[in-house]
C-alpha cells in the first residue's frame, strides 16, 4: 500500500508543531507495513482549499501516485465545512484513492465500514446544503417582510442626463461608461429611445 501523508497546522495554532502529527503518522504507516509515497505538509489555515500542499496532493492523486491519503484528523485535512470536506473525500475515491483519519476510526473509507462512511458523508453533505438553502430563503423572506431590498442594489444615475446624451447621438456603450453603470442597465433604462430622437 502506497500512502500519502497529509499534515497541517495553522499559523494561529500556537505551540503546535506539524512534526508531532508526522511522527505518529509515520509510525502508524510502519506498523501497517505501508510505504509512504509522499508527505504533504502545510502551515496555513484550513479554511480554504487554496493551499499549495493541498492542491499538490490532489494533483498527485489524479495520477494515482498513491493508494491512500492518511491524515491525523479531519480538521487537519480541511476546515472548510461539512459539504466541502466530504466533497474532497469523494474526489479522492473517484480517483480510486482511499482516505483514512488516524485519530478518528469512523472517518475512513478503508475496511468494512468504508462504504457506510461514504453514504453517511453524502447524506450529511446533502443535509448541510439543504440547511444553507433554507437559511438563505428564510433570511430573504424576513428581509422582504421588513421592506428591505433583496438581490443586487439598484444602480442610481441621472436618467434625464442619460436621455440627453442619447439624443446627442452618443452610443449606449459610451453613456454607460460615462455614468459608471453597465451597458444592460442603460439599455433597459433607455429602451425605445433612438439616437437623436
N, C-alpha and C. Protein backbone atom coordinates (compact mmCIF):
# COMPACT_ATOMS: atom_id res chain seq x y z
N UNK A 1 0.86 -1.19 0.00
CA UNK A 1 0.00 0.00 0.00
C UNK A 1 0.89 1.24 0.00
N UNK A 2 0.71 2.09 -1.01
CA UNK A 2 1.44 3.36 -1.07
C UNK A 2 0.55 4.45 -0.48
N UNK A 3 1.13 5.22 0.43
CA UNK A 3 0.34 6.18 1.21
C UNK A 3 0.87 7.60 1.05
N UNK A 4 -0.06 8.55 0.95
CA UNK A 4 0.27 9.96 1.00
C UNK A 4 -0.10 10.45 2.40
N UNK A 5 0.83 11.05 3.08
CA UNK A 5 0.58 11.57 4.42
C UNK A 5 0.38 13.08 4.32
N UNK A 6 -0.76 13.55 4.83
CA UNK A 6 -1.03 14.99 4.81
C UNK A 6 -1.11 15.49 6.25
N UNK A 7 -0.33 16.52 6.55
CA UNK A 7 -0.33 17.11 7.90
C UNK A 7 -0.37 18.62 7.77
N UNK A 8 -1.05 19.26 8.72
CA UNK A 8 -1.19 20.72 8.66
C UNK A 8 -1.36 21.30 10.06
N UNK A 9 -0.74 22.43 10.28
CA UNK A 9 -1.07 23.26 11.43
C UNK A 9 -1.30 24.67 10.92
N UNK A 10 -2.19 25.37 11.57
CA UNK A 10 -2.46 26.75 11.18
C UNK A 10 -1.43 27.66 11.80
N UNK A 11 -1.21 28.80 11.17
CA UNK A 11 -0.32 29.80 11.75
C UNK A 11 -0.89 30.32 13.07
N UNK A 12 -2.21 30.10 13.28
CA UNK A 12 -2.85 30.55 14.52
C UNK A 12 -2.82 29.49 15.61
N UNK A 13 -2.40 28.28 15.27
CA UNK A 13 -2.34 27.20 16.26
C UNK A 13 -1.05 27.33 17.07
N UNK A 14 -1.09 28.17 18.08
CA UNK A 14 0.10 28.47 18.87
C UNK A 14 0.62 27.23 19.58
N UNK A 15 1.90 27.01 19.49
CA UNK A 15 2.54 25.92 20.21
C UNK A 15 2.42 24.57 19.55
N UNK A 16 1.72 24.50 18.40
CA UNK A 16 1.57 23.22 17.71
C UNK A 16 2.69 23.06 16.69
N UNK A 17 3.15 21.85 16.55
CA UNK A 17 4.23 21.54 15.62
C UNK A 17 3.75 20.44 14.70
N UNK A 18 3.82 20.68 13.39
CA UNK A 18 3.34 19.70 12.43
C UNK A 18 4.12 18.39 12.54
N UNK A 19 5.34 18.44 13.06
CA UNK A 19 6.15 17.22 13.19
C UNK A 19 5.57 16.26 14.22
N UNK A 20 4.79 16.78 15.18
CA UNK A 20 4.12 15.90 16.13
C UNK A 20 3.16 14.97 15.40
N UNK A 21 2.39 15.53 14.45
CA UNK A 21 1.48 14.73 13.64
C UNK A 21 2.27 13.75 12.77
N UNK A 22 3.32 14.26 12.13
CA UNK A 22 4.09 13.44 11.20
C UNK A 22 4.71 12.24 11.90
N UNK A 23 5.20 12.43 13.11
CA UNK A 23 5.83 11.34 13.86
C UNK A 23 4.83 10.20 14.06
N UNK A 24 3.61 10.53 14.50
CA UNK A 24 2.60 9.50 14.74
C UNK A 24 2.16 8.83 13.44
N UNK A 25 2.02 9.62 12.40
CA UNK A 25 1.57 9.07 11.12
C UNK A 25 2.62 8.15 10.50
N UNK A 26 3.88 8.53 10.63
CA UNK A 26 4.96 7.67 10.09
C UNK A 26 5.02 6.35 10.85
N UNK A 27 4.88 6.43 12.17
CA UNK A 27 4.90 5.20 12.97
C UNK A 27 3.72 4.30 12.63
N UNK A 28 2.58 4.89 12.43
CA UNK A 28 1.38 4.13 12.08
C UNK A 28 1.57 3.41 10.74
N UNK A 29 2.13 4.12 9.76
CA UNK A 29 2.39 3.51 8.45
C UNK A 29 3.36 2.34 8.59
N UNK A 30 4.38 2.52 9.42
CA UNK A 30 5.37 1.45 9.61
C UNK A 30 4.71 0.21 10.22
N UNK A 31 3.81 0.43 11.21
CA UNK A 31 3.12 -0.70 11.85
C UNK A 31 2.21 -1.44 10.85
N UNK A 32 1.64 -0.69 9.91
CA UNK A 32 0.74 -1.28 8.92
C UNK A 32 1.50 -1.93 7.76
N UNK A 33 2.80 -1.64 7.68
CA UNK A 33 3.59 -2.16 6.56
C UNK A 33 3.37 -1.37 5.29
N UNK A 34 2.95 -0.09 5.43
CA UNK A 34 2.68 0.76 4.29
C UNK A 34 3.92 1.55 3.89
N UNK A 35 4.03 1.86 2.61
CA UNK A 35 5.12 2.68 2.09
C UNK A 35 4.63 4.11 1.92
N UNK A 36 5.35 5.06 2.49
CA UNK A 36 4.98 6.46 2.32
C UNK A 36 5.49 6.95 0.97
N UNK A 37 4.55 7.24 0.08
CA UNK A 37 4.90 7.67 -1.27
C UNK A 37 5.08 9.18 -1.36
N UNK A 38 4.55 9.90 -0.38
CA UNK A 38 4.68 11.36 -0.39
C UNK A 38 4.21 11.96 0.91
N UNK A 39 4.86 13.03 1.32
CA UNK A 39 4.46 13.78 2.52
C UNK A 39 4.09 15.19 2.10
N UNK A 40 2.89 15.60 2.49
CA UNK A 40 2.36 16.91 2.11
C UNK A 40 2.12 17.69 3.39
N UNK A 41 2.90 18.72 3.59
CA UNK A 41 2.89 19.44 4.86
C UNK A 41 2.57 20.91 4.63
N UNK A 42 1.68 21.44 5.45
CA UNK A 42 1.33 22.86 5.34
C UNK A 42 1.24 23.52 6.68
N UNK A 43 1.58 24.80 6.70
CA UNK A 43 1.40 25.60 7.91
C UNK A 43 0.56 26.82 7.54
N UNK A 44 -0.69 26.51 7.22
CA UNK A 44 -1.64 27.52 6.75
C UNK A 44 -3.01 27.21 7.31
N UNK A 45 -3.93 28.15 7.18
CA UNK A 45 -5.30 27.93 7.62
C UNK A 45 -5.95 26.86 6.76
N UNK A 46 -6.82 26.06 7.37
CA UNK A 46 -7.53 25.02 6.65
C UNK A 46 -8.89 25.47 6.15
N UNK A 47 -9.16 26.79 6.20
CA UNK A 47 -10.47 27.30 5.82
C UNK A 47 -10.63 27.45 4.31
N UNK A 48 -9.57 27.21 3.57
CA UNK A 48 -9.62 27.30 2.11
C UNK A 48 -8.86 26.13 1.51
N UNK A 49 -9.31 25.70 0.32
CA UNK A 49 -8.61 24.63 -0.39
C UNK A 49 -7.44 25.19 -1.19
N UNK A 50 -7.30 26.51 -1.18
CA UNK A 50 -6.22 27.16 -1.95
C UNK A 50 -4.92 27.12 -1.15
N UNK A 51 -4.43 25.89 -0.94
CA UNK A 51 -3.17 25.67 -0.23
C UNK A 51 -2.26 24.86 -1.14
N UNK A 52 -1.02 25.26 -1.23
CA UNK A 52 -0.11 24.61 -2.19
C UNK A 52 0.00 23.11 -1.96
N UNK A 53 0.26 22.70 -0.71
CA UNK A 53 0.43 21.27 -0.44
C UNK A 53 -0.87 20.50 -0.68
N UNK A 54 -2.00 21.13 -0.39
CA UNK A 54 -3.31 20.51 -0.58
C UNK A 54 -3.60 20.31 -2.06
N UNK A 55 -3.33 21.34 -2.86
CA UNK A 55 -3.54 21.24 -4.31
C UNK A 55 -2.62 20.20 -4.93
N UNK A 56 -1.37 20.15 -4.43
CA UNK A 56 -0.42 19.16 -4.95
C UNK A 56 -0.88 17.74 -4.62
N UNK A 57 -1.44 17.56 -3.44
CA UNK A 57 -1.96 16.26 -3.03
C UNK A 57 -2.99 15.75 -4.04
N UNK A 58 -3.93 16.63 -4.42
CA UNK A 58 -4.97 16.22 -5.36
C UNK A 58 -4.42 16.04 -6.77
N UNK A 59 -3.45 16.84 -7.13
CA UNK A 59 -2.82 16.67 -8.43
C UNK A 59 -2.17 15.28 -8.53
N UNK A 60 -1.44 14.90 -7.47
CA UNK A 60 -0.78 13.60 -7.46
C UNK A 60 -1.79 12.46 -7.34
N UNK A 61 -2.89 12.72 -6.63
CA UNK A 61 -3.94 11.70 -6.51
C UNK A 61 -4.55 11.40 -7.88
N UNK A 62 -4.68 12.43 -8.71
CA UNK A 62 -5.29 12.24 -10.03
C UNK A 62 -4.45 11.35 -10.93
N UNK A 63 -3.15 11.22 -10.61
CA UNK A 63 -2.26 10.36 -11.40
C UNK A 63 -1.96 9.05 -10.67
N UNK A 64 -2.71 8.79 -9.56
CA UNK A 64 -2.59 7.54 -8.80
C UNK A 64 -1.16 7.29 -8.30
N UNK A 65 -0.53 8.34 -7.77
CA UNK A 65 0.82 8.16 -7.22
C UNK A 65 0.80 7.39 -5.91
N UNK A 66 -0.38 7.26 -5.32
CA UNK A 66 -0.53 6.53 -4.05
C UNK A 66 -1.91 5.91 -4.01
N UNK A 67 -2.14 5.07 -3.01
CA UNK A 67 -3.40 4.33 -2.89
C UNK A 67 -4.30 4.88 -1.80
N UNK A 68 -3.72 5.63 -0.86
CA UNK A 68 -4.47 6.07 0.30
C UNK A 68 -3.93 7.41 0.80
N UNK A 69 -4.82 8.28 1.27
CA UNK A 69 -4.42 9.53 1.92
C UNK A 69 -4.66 9.36 3.41
N UNK A 70 -3.62 9.58 4.20
CA UNK A 70 -3.70 9.45 5.65
C UNK A 70 -3.51 10.81 6.30
N UNK A 71 -4.46 11.18 7.16
CA UNK A 71 -4.36 12.45 7.90
C UNK A 71 -4.44 12.16 9.38
N UNK A 72 -3.97 13.08 10.20
CA UNK A 72 -4.02 12.87 11.64
C UNK A 72 -5.44 13.01 12.16
N UNK A 73 -6.17 14.01 11.63
CA UNK A 73 -7.57 14.23 11.99
C UNK A 73 -8.24 14.99 10.86
N UNK A 74 -9.56 14.89 10.79
CA UNK A 74 -10.30 15.52 9.70
C UNK A 74 -10.07 17.02 9.65
N UNK A 75 -9.99 17.67 10.82
CA UNK A 75 -9.81 19.12 10.80
C UNK A 75 -8.38 19.53 10.41
N UNK A 76 -7.46 18.56 10.39
CA UNK A 76 -6.12 18.84 9.86
C UNK A 76 -6.15 18.81 8.33
N UNK A 77 -7.10 18.04 7.79
CA UNK A 77 -7.26 17.92 6.34
C UNK A 77 -7.89 19.21 5.79
N UNK A 78 -9.01 19.62 6.38
CA UNK A 78 -9.67 20.86 5.97
C UNK A 78 -10.64 21.32 7.05
N UNK A 79 -10.87 22.63 7.07
CA UNK A 79 -11.87 23.23 7.97
C UNK A 79 -12.87 24.05 7.17
N UNK A 80 -13.06 23.69 5.91
CA UNK A 80 -13.92 24.47 5.03
C UNK A 80 -15.40 24.31 5.36
N UNK A 81 -15.77 23.19 5.93
CA UNK A 81 -17.19 22.93 6.19
C UNK A 81 -17.50 21.48 5.83
N UNK A 82 -18.66 21.02 6.27
CA UNK A 82 -19.04 19.63 6.10
C UNK A 82 -19.11 19.25 4.63
N UNK A 83 -19.85 20.04 3.83
CA UNK A 83 -20.03 19.69 2.43
C UNK A 83 -18.70 19.64 1.70
N UNK A 84 -17.87 20.68 1.90
CA UNK A 84 -16.58 20.74 1.21
C UNK A 84 -15.67 19.58 1.62
N UNK A 85 -15.67 19.26 2.91
CA UNK A 85 -14.82 18.19 3.41
C UNK A 85 -15.14 16.86 2.73
N UNK A 86 -16.41 16.51 2.72
CA UNK A 86 -16.78 15.24 2.14
C UNK A 86 -16.71 15.26 0.62
N UNK A 87 -16.79 16.44 0.03
CA UNK A 87 -16.60 16.54 -1.42
C UNK A 87 -15.14 16.21 -1.77
N UNK A 88 -14.20 16.66 -0.92
CA UNK A 88 -12.78 16.33 -1.14
C UNK A 88 -12.57 14.81 -1.05
N UNK A 89 -13.21 14.20 -0.04
CA UNK A 89 -13.08 12.74 0.12
C UNK A 89 -13.69 12.03 -1.08
N UNK A 90 -14.83 12.54 -1.55
CA UNK A 90 -15.49 11.94 -2.72
C UNK A 90 -14.57 12.01 -3.95
N UNK A 91 -13.89 13.14 -4.13
CA UNK A 91 -12.98 13.29 -5.27
C UNK A 91 -11.85 12.26 -5.19
N UNK A 92 -11.33 12.06 -3.99
CA UNK A 92 -10.27 11.06 -3.83
C UNK A 92 -10.76 9.68 -4.22
N UNK A 93 -11.96 9.32 -3.76
CA UNK A 93 -12.48 7.98 -4.07
C UNK A 93 -12.75 7.84 -5.56
N UNK A 94 -13.10 8.93 -6.22
CA UNK A 94 -13.29 8.88 -7.68
C UNK A 94 -11.97 8.60 -8.40
N UNK A 95 -10.87 9.06 -7.80
CA UNK A 95 -9.54 8.77 -8.35
C UNK A 95 -9.09 7.34 -8.00
N UNK A 96 -9.89 6.66 -7.18
CA UNK A 96 -9.51 5.32 -6.73
C UNK A 96 -8.62 5.36 -5.51
N UNK A 97 -8.64 6.48 -4.78
CA UNK A 97 -7.79 6.67 -3.60
C UNK A 97 -8.64 6.54 -2.34
N UNK A 98 -8.17 5.75 -1.38
CA UNK A 98 -8.84 5.61 -0.09
C UNK A 98 -8.46 6.78 0.82
N UNK A 99 -9.24 6.96 1.88
CA UNK A 99 -9.00 8.04 2.83
C UNK A 99 -9.10 7.50 4.24
N UNK A 100 -8.18 7.94 5.11
CA UNK A 100 -8.21 7.47 6.49
C UNK A 100 -7.75 8.56 7.45
N UNK A 101 -8.50 8.74 8.53
CA UNK A 101 -8.12 9.65 9.60
C UNK A 101 -7.54 8.81 10.74
N UNK A 102 -6.31 9.09 11.09
CA UNK A 102 -5.59 8.30 12.10
C UNK A 102 -6.30 8.32 13.46
N UNK A 103 -6.76 9.48 13.89
CA UNK A 103 -7.32 9.61 15.24
C UNK A 103 -8.84 9.44 15.29
N UNK A 104 -9.48 9.23 14.12
CA UNK A 104 -10.94 9.11 14.08
C UNK A 104 -11.30 7.89 13.23
N UNK A 105 -11.46 6.76 13.89
CA UNK A 105 -11.69 5.49 13.18
C UNK A 105 -12.94 5.52 12.31
N UNK A 106 -13.91 6.39 12.66
CA UNK A 106 -15.16 6.44 11.90
C UNK A 106 -15.01 7.27 10.62
N UNK A 107 -13.90 8.01 10.48
CA UNK A 107 -13.67 8.79 9.27
C UNK A 107 -12.63 8.10 8.40
N UNK A 108 -13.05 7.04 7.74
CA UNK A 108 -12.16 6.36 6.81
C UNK A 108 -12.99 5.60 5.79
N UNK A 109 -12.43 5.47 4.60
CA UNK A 109 -13.12 4.72 3.55
C UNK A 109 -12.56 3.31 3.45
N UNK A 110 -11.58 2.99 4.29
CA UNK A 110 -10.99 1.65 4.30
C UNK A 110 -11.81 0.74 5.20
N UNK A 111 -11.66 -0.56 5.02
CA UNK A 111 -12.31 -1.52 5.91
C UNK A 111 -13.77 -1.73 5.58
N UNK A 112 -14.43 -2.59 6.35
CA UNK A 112 -15.82 -2.97 6.07
C UNK A 112 -16.81 -1.81 6.20
N UNK A 113 -16.46 -0.79 7.00
CA UNK A 113 -17.40 0.33 7.20
C UNK A 113 -17.17 1.46 6.20
N UNK A 114 -16.23 1.27 5.27
CA UNK A 114 -15.89 2.34 4.33
C UNK A 114 -17.05 2.84 3.51
N UNK A 115 -17.84 1.93 2.92
CA UNK A 115 -18.97 2.35 2.10
C UNK A 115 -20.04 3.03 2.94
N UNK A 116 -20.20 2.55 4.17
CA UNK A 116 -21.18 3.17 5.07
C UNK A 116 -20.76 4.59 5.39
N UNK A 117 -19.46 4.79 5.64
CA UNK A 117 -18.97 6.13 5.96
C UNK A 117 -19.24 7.08 4.80
N UNK A 118 -19.01 6.62 3.56
CA UNK A 118 -19.25 7.48 2.40
C UNK A 118 -20.74 7.79 2.24
N UNK A 119 -21.59 6.80 2.51
CA UNK A 119 -23.04 7.01 2.41
C UNK A 119 -23.50 8.04 3.43
N UNK A 120 -22.98 7.91 4.66
CA UNK A 120 -23.33 8.86 5.72
C UNK A 120 -22.81 10.24 5.36
N UNK A 121 -21.58 10.28 4.85
CA UNK A 121 -20.97 11.56 4.46
C UNK A 121 -21.80 12.25 3.40
N UNK A 122 -22.27 11.48 2.41
CA UNK A 122 -23.08 12.06 1.34
C UNK A 122 -24.39 12.60 1.91
N UNK A 123 -24.99 11.86 2.86
CA UNK A 123 -26.24 12.31 3.48
C UNK A 123 -26.02 13.60 4.28
N UNK A 124 -24.92 13.64 5.05
CA UNK A 124 -24.61 14.84 5.84
C UNK A 124 -24.41 16.04 4.93
N UNK A 125 -23.67 15.83 3.83
CA UNK A 125 -23.41 16.92 2.90
C UNK A 125 -24.72 17.44 2.30
N UNK A 126 -25.62 16.51 1.96
CA UNK A 126 -26.90 16.91 1.38
C UNK A 126 -27.71 17.72 2.39
N UNK A 127 -27.75 17.26 3.65
CA UNK A 127 -28.47 17.98 4.69
C UNK A 127 -27.90 19.38 4.91
N UNK A 128 -26.58 19.49 4.83
CA UNK A 128 -25.92 20.78 5.01
C UNK A 128 -26.33 21.74 3.88
N UNK A 129 -26.35 21.23 2.65
CA UNK A 129 -26.77 22.07 1.52
C UNK A 129 -28.21 22.53 1.70
N UNK A 130 -29.09 21.61 2.15
CA UNK A 130 -30.49 21.96 2.36
C UNK A 130 -30.65 23.01 3.45
N UNK A 131 -29.87 22.86 4.54
CA UNK A 131 -29.94 23.84 5.63
C UNK A 131 -29.50 25.21 5.16
N UNK A 132 -28.42 25.25 4.37
CA UNK A 132 -27.94 26.54 3.85
C UNK A 132 -29.00 27.18 2.97
N UNK A 133 -29.63 26.36 2.10
CA UNK A 133 -30.68 26.87 1.22
C UNK A 133 -31.86 27.40 2.03
N UNK A 134 -32.27 26.64 3.06
CA UNK A 134 -33.40 27.05 3.89
C UNK A 134 -33.10 28.34 4.66
N UNK A 135 -31.86 28.44 5.18
CA UNK A 135 -31.48 29.66 5.90
C UNK A 135 -31.49 30.87 4.97
N UNK A 136 -31.00 30.67 3.75
CA UNK A 136 -30.98 31.77 2.78
C UNK A 136 -32.38 32.23 2.44
N UNK A 137 -33.28 31.26 2.18
CA UNK A 137 -34.67 31.61 1.84
C UNK A 137 -35.36 32.29 3.01
N UNK A 138 -35.13 31.79 4.23
CA UNK A 138 -35.75 32.39 5.41
C UNK A 138 -35.25 33.82 5.61
N UNK A 139 -33.96 34.02 5.38
CA UNK A 139 -33.39 35.37 5.53
C UNK A 139 -33.95 36.33 4.51
N UNK A 140 -34.13 35.87 3.28
CA UNK A 140 -34.69 36.73 2.23
C UNK A 140 -36.15 37.06 2.51
N UNK A 141 -36.91 36.05 2.99
CA UNK A 141 -38.32 36.28 3.31
C UNK A 141 -38.46 37.30 4.43
N UNK A 142 -37.59 37.18 5.43
CA UNK A 142 -37.64 38.13 6.54
C UNK A 142 -37.30 39.54 6.07
N UNK A 143 -36.28 39.64 5.22
CA UNK A 143 -35.88 40.95 4.70
C UNK A 143 -37.02 41.58 3.90
N UNK A 144 -37.71 40.77 3.10
CA UNK A 144 -38.83 41.29 2.31
C UNK A 144 -39.98 41.75 3.20
N UNK A 145 -40.25 40.99 4.28
CA UNK A 145 -41.30 41.39 5.23
C UNK A 145 -40.98 42.73 5.87
N UNK A 146 -39.68 42.97 6.08
CA UNK A 146 -39.25 44.22 6.70
C UNK A 146 -39.05 45.34 5.68
N UNK A 147 -39.41 45.04 4.43
CA UNK A 147 -39.33 46.07 3.40
C UNK A 147 -37.94 46.30 2.84
N UNK A 148 -37.03 45.37 3.10
CA UNK A 148 -35.67 45.52 2.59
C UNK A 148 -35.57 44.92 1.19
N UNK A 149 -34.67 45.48 0.41
CA UNK A 149 -34.46 45.01 -0.96
C UNK A 149 -33.52 43.81 -0.94
N UNK A 150 -33.88 42.75 -1.67
CA UNK A 150 -33.02 41.58 -1.77
C UNK A 150 -32.39 41.54 -3.15
N UNK A 151 -31.22 41.05 -3.22
CA UNK A 151 -30.52 40.98 -4.50
C UNK A 151 -29.58 42.16 -4.67
N UNK A 152 -29.17 42.38 -5.92
CA UNK A 152 -28.23 43.46 -6.18
C UNK A 152 -28.88 44.81 -5.91
N UNK A 153 -28.13 45.76 -5.34
CA UNK A 153 -28.69 47.09 -5.12
C UNK A 153 -28.95 47.78 -6.46
N UNK A 154 -30.03 48.56 -6.51
CA UNK A 154 -30.35 49.29 -7.73
C UNK A 154 -29.28 50.34 -8.00
N UNK A 155 -28.88 50.48 -9.27
CA UNK A 155 -27.89 51.48 -9.64
C UNK A 155 -28.58 52.82 -9.81
N UNK A 156 -28.05 53.86 -9.18
CA UNK A 156 -28.64 55.19 -9.23
C UNK A 156 -27.86 56.03 -10.23
N UNK A 157 -28.57 56.61 -11.19
CA UNK A 157 -27.94 57.53 -12.14
C UNK A 157 -29.00 58.49 -12.66
N UNK A 158 -28.58 59.56 -13.26
CA UNK A 158 -29.48 60.59 -13.76
C UNK A 158 -30.04 60.15 -15.11
N UNK A 159 -31.29 59.67 -15.11
CA UNK A 159 -31.89 59.16 -16.34
C UNK A 159 -32.08 60.27 -17.36
N UNK A 160 -32.45 61.47 -16.90
CA UNK A 160 -32.66 62.58 -17.83
C UNK A 160 -31.36 62.94 -18.55
N UNK A 161 -30.24 62.89 -17.81
CA UNK A 161 -28.95 63.19 -18.43
C UNK A 161 -28.60 62.10 -19.44
N UNK A 162 -28.92 60.83 -19.08
CA UNK A 162 -28.67 59.72 -20.00
C UNK A 162 -29.49 59.90 -21.27
N UNK A 163 -30.75 60.33 -21.13
CA UNK A 163 -31.59 60.60 -22.30
C UNK A 163 -31.00 61.70 -23.16
N UNK A 164 -30.52 62.74 -22.49
CA UNK A 164 -29.91 63.86 -23.22
C UNK A 164 -28.70 63.38 -24.02
N UNK A 165 -27.83 62.58 -23.39
CA UNK A 165 -26.65 62.07 -24.08
C UNK A 165 -27.03 61.22 -25.28
N UNK A 166 -28.10 60.43 -25.12
CA UNK A 166 -28.54 59.56 -26.20
C UNK A 166 -29.04 60.39 -27.38
N UNK A 167 -29.76 61.48 -27.06
CA UNK A 167 -30.31 62.34 -28.11
C UNK A 167 -29.23 63.11 -28.85
N UNK A 168 -28.07 63.28 -28.20
CA UNK A 168 -26.95 63.96 -28.89
C UNK A 168 -26.23 63.01 -29.82
N UNK A 169 -26.63 61.72 -29.80
CA UNK A 169 -26.02 60.75 -30.71
C UNK A 169 -25.00 59.84 -30.06
N UNK A 170 -24.80 59.95 -28.73
CA UNK A 170 -23.81 59.11 -28.06
C UNK A 170 -24.30 57.68 -28.00
N UNK A 171 -23.39 56.73 -28.17
CA UNK A 171 -23.75 55.31 -28.13
C UNK A 171 -24.08 54.88 -26.70
N UNK A 172 -24.85 53.81 -26.60
CA UNK A 172 -25.21 53.28 -25.28
C UNK A 172 -23.97 52.88 -24.48
N UNK A 173 -22.99 52.30 -25.17
CA UNK A 173 -21.77 51.86 -24.50
C UNK A 173 -21.03 53.05 -23.87
N UNK A 174 -20.93 54.15 -24.61
CA UNK A 174 -20.24 55.35 -24.08
C UNK A 174 -21.03 55.99 -22.95
N UNK A 175 -22.37 55.96 -23.05
CA UNK A 175 -23.20 56.51 -21.97
C UNK A 175 -23.00 55.70 -20.70
N UNK A 176 -23.00 54.38 -20.86
CA UNK A 176 -22.80 53.50 -19.70
C UNK A 176 -21.47 53.79 -19.04
N UNK A 177 -20.41 53.93 -19.84
CA UNK A 177 -19.08 54.22 -19.29
C UNK A 177 -19.06 55.57 -18.61
N UNK A 178 -19.71 56.56 -19.21
CA UNK A 178 -19.73 57.92 -18.66
C UNK A 178 -20.44 57.98 -17.30
N UNK A 179 -21.53 57.19 -17.18
CA UNK A 179 -22.32 57.22 -15.95
C UNK A 179 -21.89 56.17 -14.93
N UNK A 180 -20.96 55.29 -15.34
CA UNK A 180 -20.46 54.28 -14.41
C UNK A 180 -21.44 53.17 -14.10
N UNK A 181 -22.27 52.82 -15.10
CA UNK A 181 -23.22 51.72 -14.93
C UNK A 181 -23.01 50.72 -16.07
N UNK A 182 -23.66 49.57 -15.97
CA UNK A 182 -23.48 48.55 -17.00
C UNK A 182 -24.24 48.91 -18.27
N UNK A 183 -23.81 48.33 -19.37
CA UNK A 183 -24.49 48.53 -20.65
C UNK A 183 -25.92 48.04 -20.57
N UNK A 184 -26.15 46.92 -19.86
CA UNK A 184 -27.50 46.37 -19.71
C UNK A 184 -28.42 47.35 -18.97
N UNK A 185 -27.89 48.01 -17.93
CA UNK A 185 -28.68 48.97 -17.16
C UNK A 185 -29.12 50.13 -18.05
N UNK A 186 -28.20 50.65 -18.84
CA UNK A 186 -28.53 51.76 -19.75
C UNK A 186 -29.50 51.31 -20.82
N UNK A 187 -29.29 50.12 -21.36
CA UNK A 187 -30.18 49.60 -22.40
C UNK A 187 -31.61 49.52 -21.90
N UNK A 188 -31.76 49.01 -20.66
CA UNK A 188 -33.12 48.91 -20.11
C UNK A 188 -33.74 50.27 -19.86
N UNK A 189 -32.92 51.17 -19.32
CA UNK A 189 -33.44 52.49 -18.97
C UNK A 189 -33.84 53.29 -20.21
N UNK A 190 -33.12 53.09 -21.30
CA UNK A 190 -33.37 53.89 -22.49
C UNK A 190 -33.99 53.08 -23.63
N UNK A 191 -34.60 51.96 -23.30
CA UNK A 191 -35.21 51.14 -24.36
C UNK A 191 -36.25 51.95 -25.12
N UNK A 192 -36.17 51.91 -26.42
CA UNK A 192 -37.11 52.63 -27.25
C UNK A 192 -36.63 54.02 -27.63
N UNK A 193 -35.57 54.48 -26.98
CA UNK A 193 -35.03 55.81 -27.31
C UNK A 193 -33.92 55.64 -28.31
N UNK A 194 -34.03 56.20 -29.49
CA UNK A 194 -33.01 56.09 -30.52
C UNK A 194 -32.14 57.33 -30.53
N UNK A 195 -30.97 57.19 -31.14
CA UNK A 195 -30.05 58.35 -31.25
C UNK A 195 -30.74 59.49 -31.95
N UNK A 196 -30.60 60.68 -31.33
CA UNK A 196 -31.11 61.89 -31.96
C UNK A 196 -32.61 62.07 -31.89
N UNK A 197 -33.34 61.12 -31.27
CA UNK A 197 -34.79 61.24 -31.22
C UNK A 197 -35.23 62.19 -30.11
